[in-house]
Amino acid sequence: MNPAQMRMARAALGWGVRELAQKAGITANTVTRIENGADAKQSTIDAMKSAFETAGIEFIPENGGGAGIRFRERKN
C-alpha cells in the first residue's frame, strides 16, 4: 500500500483523514504524514490497511500499469 493508494482508498470510501485515523487507532497527523510520503512503522501501515480492508477495499499491486485499489467482490 503506497501513499497514492491510501488517498484513493479514502476517496473511494468518502473518508476524511480524521475518520481513517479513528478507524486505524492513530492520529490524523500520522495519516497526513504517511500520505505525504513520510516513513512509518509497519504496525501503523498494517493498522491503516486493516481499516481499509475491513471497509471492503482491496489493494492491487503494481503490475506494469500502476498500483491501484478496488472494492472487494461480494460473495453471495
C-alpha atoms as a PDB file:
ATOM      1  CA  MET A   1       0.000   0.000   0.000  1.00  0.00           C
ATOM      2  CA  ASN A   2       1.565   3.236  -1.123  1.00  0.00           C
ATOM      3  CA  PRO A   3       0.539   6.839  -0.316  1.00  0.00           C
ATOM      4  CA  ALA A   4      -1.383   7.235  -3.578  1.00  0.00           C
ATOM      5  CA  GLN A   5      -3.375   4.058  -2.870  1.00  0.00           C
ATOM      6  CA  MET A   6      -4.151   5.360   0.605  1.00  0.00           C
ATOM      7  CA  ARG A   7      -5.574   8.588  -0.817  1.00  0.00           C
ATOM      8  CA  MET A   8      -7.546   6.626  -3.455  1.00  0.00           C
ATOM      9  CA  ALA A   9      -8.977   4.309  -0.805  1.00  0.00           C
ATOM     10  CA  ARG A  10     -10.018   7.197   1.430  1.00  0.00           C
ATOM     11  CA  ALA A  11     -11.684   8.924  -1.521  1.00  0.00           C
ATOM     12  CA  ALA A  12     -13.487   5.739  -2.596  1.00  0.00           C
ATOM     13  CA  LEU A  13     -14.878   5.325   0.911  1.00  0.00           C
ATOM     14  CA  GLY A  14     -15.648   9.015   1.392  1.00  0.00           C
ATOM     15  CA  TRP A  15     -13.405   9.102   4.462  1.00  0.00           C
ATOM     16  CA  GLY A  16     -11.533  12.118   5.691  1.00  0.00           C
ATOM     17  CA  VAL A  17      -8.139  11.935   7.347  1.00  0.00           C
ATOM     18  CA  ARG A  18      -9.727  12.011  10.794  1.00  0.00           C
ATOM     19  CA  GLU A  19     -12.094   9.142  10.017  1.00  0.00           C
ATOM     20  CA  LEU A  20      -9.272   6.904   8.792  1.00  0.00           C
ATOM     21  CA  ALA A  21      -7.196   7.848  11.826  1.00  0.00           C
ATOM     22  CA  GLN A  22     -10.030   6.945  14.190  1.00  0.00           C
ATOM     23  CA  LYS A  23     -10.684   3.608  12.477  1.00  0.00           C
ATOM     24  CA  ALA A  24      -6.964   2.724  12.453  1.00  0.00           C
ATOM     25  CA  GLY A  25      -6.316   3.913  16.009  1.00  0.00           C
ATOM     26  CA  ILE A  26      -3.711   6.504  15.029  1.00  0.00           C
ATOM     27  CA  THR A  27      -3.591  10.302  14.841  1.00  0.00           C
ATOM     28  CA  ALA A  28      -4.764  12.382  11.897  1.00  0.00           C
ATOM     29  CA  ASN A  29      -1.295  13.957  11.727  1.00  0.00           C
ATOM     30  CA  THR A  30       0.194  10.489  11.257  1.00  0.00           C
ATOM     31  CA  VAL A  31      -2.183   9.769   8.357  1.00  0.00           C
ATOM     32  CA  THR A  32      -1.254  13.068   6.692  1.00  0.00           C
ATOM     33  CA  ARG A  33       2.474  12.499   7.139  1.00  0.00           C
ATOM     34  CA  ILE A  34       2.286   8.991   5.663  1.00  0.00           C
ATOM     35  CA  GLU A  35       0.141  10.127   2.738  1.00  0.00           C
ATOM     36  CA  ASN A  36       2.789  12.770   2.057  1.00  0.00           C
ATOM     37  CA  GLY A  37       5.488  10.095   1.833  1.00  0.00           C
ATOM     38  CA  ALA A  38       6.961  10.026   5.351  1.00  0.00           C
ATOM     39  CA  ASP A  39       8.235   6.753   6.744  1.00  0.00           C
ATOM     40  CA  ALA A  40       6.046   4.882   9.209  1.00  0.00           C
ATOM     41  CA  LYS A  41       6.233   1.858  11.441  1.00  0.00           C
ATOM     42  CA  GLN A  42       4.991  -1.322   9.802  1.00  0.00           C
ATOM     43  CA  SER A  43       2.413  -1.701  12.583  1.00  0.00           C
ATOM     44  CA  THR A  44       0.947   1.699  11.660  1.00  0.00           C
ATOM     45  CA  ILE A  45       0.735   0.792   7.975  1.00  0.00           C
ATOM     46  CA  ASP A  46      -0.835  -2.547   8.922  1.00  0.00           C
ATOM     47  CA  ALA A  47      -3.474  -0.789  11.061  1.00  0.00           C
ATOM     48  CA  MET A  48      -4.407   1.529   8.203  1.00  0.00           C
ATOM     49  CA  LYS A  49      -4.521  -1.300   5.674  1.00  0.00           C
ATOM     50  CA  SER A  50      -6.686  -3.360   8.016  1.00  0.00           C
ATOM     51  CA  ALA A  51      -9.159  -0.470   8.395  1.00  0.00           C
ATOM     52  CA  PHE A  52      -9.432  -0.177   4.615  1.00  0.00           C
ATOM     53  CA  GLU A  53      -9.789  -3.914   4.094  1.00  0.00           C
ATOM     54  CA  THR A  54     -12.482  -4.145   6.775  1.00  0.00           C
ATOM     55  CA  ALA A  55     -14.381  -1.488   4.812  1.00  0.00           C
ATOM     56  CA  GLY A  56     -14.137  -3.595   1.637  1.00  0.00           C
ATOM     57  CA  ILE A  57     -11.084  -2.159  -0.119  1.00  0.00           C
ATOM     58  CA  GLU A  58      -8.664  -4.447  -1.937  1.00  0.00           C
ATOM     59  CA  PHE A  59      -5.209  -3.207  -2.907  1.00  0.00           C
ATOM     60  CA  ILE A  60      -3.956  -4.004  -6.415  1.00  0.00           C
ATOM     61  CA  PRO A  61      -0.174  -4.377  -6.665  1.00  0.00           C
ATOM     62  CA  GLU A  62       1.751  -2.613  -9.393  1.00  0.00           C
ATOM     63  CA  ASN A  63       1.851  -4.825 -12.464  1.00  0.00           C
ATOM     64  CA  GLY A  64       3.138  -2.550 -15.177  1.00  0.00           C
ATOM     65  CA  GLY A  65       0.000  -0.432 -15.181  1.00  0.00           C
ATOM     66  CA  GLY A  66       0.463   1.103 -11.761  1.00  0.00           C
ATOM     67  CA  ALA A  67      -0.837   0.189  -8.351  1.00  0.00           C
ATOM     68  CA  GLY A  68      -4.492   0.772  -7.537  1.00  0.00           C
ATOM     69  CA  ILE A  69      -7.487  -0.159  -5.421  1.00  0.00           C
ATOM     70  CA  ARG A  70     -10.899  -1.704  -5.915  1.00  0.00           C
ATOM     71  CA  PHE A  71     -13.819  -2.813  -3.825  1.00  0.00           C
ATOM     72  CA  ARG A  72     -13.666  -6.483  -2.923  1.00  0.00           C
ATOM     73  CA  GLU A  73     -16.085  -8.683  -4.791  1.00  0.00           C
ATOM     74  CA  ARG A  74     -19.032  -9.507  -2.574  1.00  0.00           C
ATOM     75  CA  LYS A  75     -19.823 -13.163  -2.043  1.00  0.00           C
ATOM     76  CA  ASN A  76     -23.483 -14.158  -2.069  1.00  0.00           C
END
